[in-house]
Amino acid sequence: MTRPDRKGKHRANYERNRKRIFATQSTCGICGKAVDFSLKNPHPMSAQVDHLIPVSKGGHPSDISNLQLVHRTCNRQKSDKLVKTGYDTEPQVIGNRNLPHSMDWVTYNSTGQPREEKKQKTIIKIKRKVKK
């Protein structure tokens, strides 16, 4: 039995929505990294469209809200699994990559206040030959 998005009444809608996703999205819906559209299909990092809820699990085959842009390898690893979205608890900060970009973290100190800029004097040392 063939899937409805590959053959049948949903094929035209699937192709139309696939083109819309390729035109509007640029990051992988699974790993969050940028998708390079210059890579073609057998390449593992090429662009593909994935069903959020797989067709085999009852997902709509051509609805744009059920489709997302992904890498080929991410899509193969996901297979027909349902991916849980959202958190039951608050997300935890695991590393500095989750720090907000709202302040300059280079000037941050342990007290929680930005460091005050100290004016430094420029000292120029000049070496001179002493005549004897």
Protein backbone atom coordinates (compact mmCIF):
# COMPACT_ATOMS: atom_id res chain seq x y z
CA MET A 1 0.00 0.00 0.00
CA THR A 2 1.42 3.42 -0.95
CA ARG A 3 1.26 6.45 1.29
CA PRO A 4 -1.22 9.19 0.35
CA ASP A 5 1.49 11.88 0.14
CA ARG A 6 3.42 9.83 -2.45
CA LYS A 7 0.49 8.88 -4.65
CA GLY A 8 -3.09 9.97 -4.54
CA LYS A 9 -5.18 13.04 -3.76
CA HIS A 10 -2.70 14.54 -1.25
CA ARG A 11 0.31 14.49 -3.61
CA ALA A 12 -0.31 17.92 -5.19
CA ASN A 13 -0.90 19.60 -1.80
CA TYR A 14 2.19 17.94 -0.35
CA GLU A 15 4.38 19.22 -3.20
CA ARG A 16 2.95 22.74 -2.87
CA ASN A 17 3.55 22.81 0.88
CA ARG A 18 7.02 21.31 0.42
CA LYS A 19 7.97 24.25 -1.83
CA ARG A 20 6.56 26.70 0.76
CA ILE A 21 8.63 25.13 3.53
CA PHE A 22 11.79 25.21 1.42
CA ALA A 23 11.15 28.91 0.70
CA THR A 24 10.34 29.99 4.26
CA GLN A 25 12.39 27.81 6.63
CA SER A 26 16.16 27.54 6.94
CA THR A 27 16.88 25.52 10.11
CA CYS A 28 16.37 21.85 10.87
CA GLY A 29 13.28 21.24 12.99
CA ILE A 30 15.00 18.38 14.84
CA CYS A 31 18.59 19.46 15.53
CA GLY A 32 18.20 23.25 15.09
CA LYS A 33 21.19 23.70 12.78
CA ALA A 34 21.12 25.50 9.45
CA VAL A 35 20.15 23.49 6.36
CA ASP A 36 22.32 23.87 3.25
CA PHE A 37 20.06 23.80 0.19
CA SER A 38 22.99 23.38 -2.21
CA LEU A 39 23.46 19.77 -1.06
CA LYS A 40 21.46 17.26 -3.07
CA ASN A 41 19.53 14.17 -1.94
CA PRO A 42 22.03 11.37 -1.31
CA HIS A 43 24.09 13.72 0.88
CA PRO A 44 23.30 13.13 4.59
CA MET A 45 22.86 16.85 5.35
CA SER A 46 20.58 17.60 2.39
CA ALA A 47 17.18 19.20 2.94
CA GLN A 48 14.04 17.11 3.39
CA VAL A 49 10.49 17.64 4.62
CA ASP A 50 9.43 15.63 7.66
CA HIS A 51 5.97 14.89 9.07
CA LEU A 52 5.75 15.98 12.72
CA ILE A 53 3.15 13.29 13.34
CA PRO A 54 4.09 10.42 11.02
CA VAL A 55 1.52 9.33 8.44
CA SER A 56 1.75 5.80 9.85
CA LYS A 57 0.68 7.15 13.27
CA GLY A 58 -2.34 9.03 11.89
CA GLY A 59 -0.72 12.34 10.91
CA HIS A 60 -2.12 14.34 8.00
CA PRO A 61 -0.06 13.61 4.88
CA SER A 62 -0.14 17.08 3.31
CA ASP A 63 -1.15 19.65 5.95
CA ILE A 64 1.50 22.36 6.26
CA SER A 65 1.16 22.42 10.06
CA ASN A 66 2.29 18.76 10.09
CA LEU A 67 5.42 19.40 7.97
CA GLN A 68 8.84 20.73 8.92
CA LEU A 69 12.25 21.22 7.28
CA VAL A 70 14.92 18.73 8.42
CA HIS A 71 18.28 17.25 7.45
CA ARG A 72 18.18 13.85 5.79
CA THR A 73 20.10 12.19 8.66
CA CYS A 74 17.87 13.77 11.30
CA ASN A 75 14.81 12.51 9.44
CA ARG A 76 16.27 8.99 9.19
CA GLN A 77 17.09 8.91 12.91
CA LYS A 78 13.63 10.14 13.86
CA SER A 79 12.02 7.53 11.62
CA ASP A 80 8.34 7.15 12.59
CA LYS A 81 8.75 8.20 16.23
CA LEU A 82 6.72 10.93 17.84
CA VAL A 83 9.03 13.66 19.19
CA LYS A 84 7.94 15.24 22.45
CA THR A 85 7.89 19.02 22.30
CA GLY A 86 7.76 21.30 25.31
CA TYR A 87 8.97 20.80 28.85
CA ASP A 88 7.26 19.30 31.91
CA THR A 89 9.61 21.29 34.12
CA GLU A 90 11.60 24.47 33.72
CA PRO A 91 14.58 24.08 31.37
CA GLN A 92 17.92 24.01 33.17
CA VAL A 93 20.98 25.95 32.14
CA ILE A 94 23.51 23.30 31.18
CA GLY A 95 26.21 25.51 29.74
CA ASN A 96 26.95 29.05 28.73
CA ARG A 97 25.25 28.55 25.36
CA ASN A 98 21.89 29.14 27.08
CA LEU A 99 22.85 32.54 28.47
CA PRO A 100 20.70 35.40 27.22
CA HIS A 101 22.27 37.83 24.81
CA SER A 102 20.73 40.83 26.54
CA MET A 103 23.96 42.00 28.19
CA ASP A 104 27.66 42.05 27.54
CA TRP A 105 28.93 38.94 29.32
CA VAL A 106 32.57 39.93 28.79
CA THR A 107 32.22 42.75 31.32
CA TYR A 108 30.18 40.64 33.79
CA ASN A 109 31.66 39.90 37.23
CA SER A 110 30.62 37.53 40.04
CA THR A 111 28.61 40.15 41.94
CA GLY A 112 26.06 40.30 39.15
CA GLN A 113 26.90 43.89 38.26
CA PRO A 114 28.82 44.99 35.20
CA ARG A 115 32.44 45.87 35.86
CA GLU A 116 33.31 49.50 35.91
CA GLU A 117 35.71 50.53 33.25
CA LYS A 118 38.94 51.80 34.75
CA LYS A 119 40.85 54.35 32.81
CA GLN A 120 44.33 53.10 32.27
CA LYS A 121 47.22 55.37 31.65
CA THR A 122 49.33 54.62 28.66
CA ILE A 123 52.96 54.39 29.63
CA ILE A 124 55.55 54.57 26.90
CA LYS A 125 59.06 53.55 27.77
CA ILE A 126 61.77 55.01 25.64
CA LYS A 127 65.20 53.48 25.66
CA ARG A 128 68.03 55.87 25.04
CA LYS A 129 71.66 55.16 24.56
CA VAL A 130 73.74 56.81 27.19
CA LYS A 131 77.04 58.31 26.04
CA LYS A 132 80.02 57.51 28.20
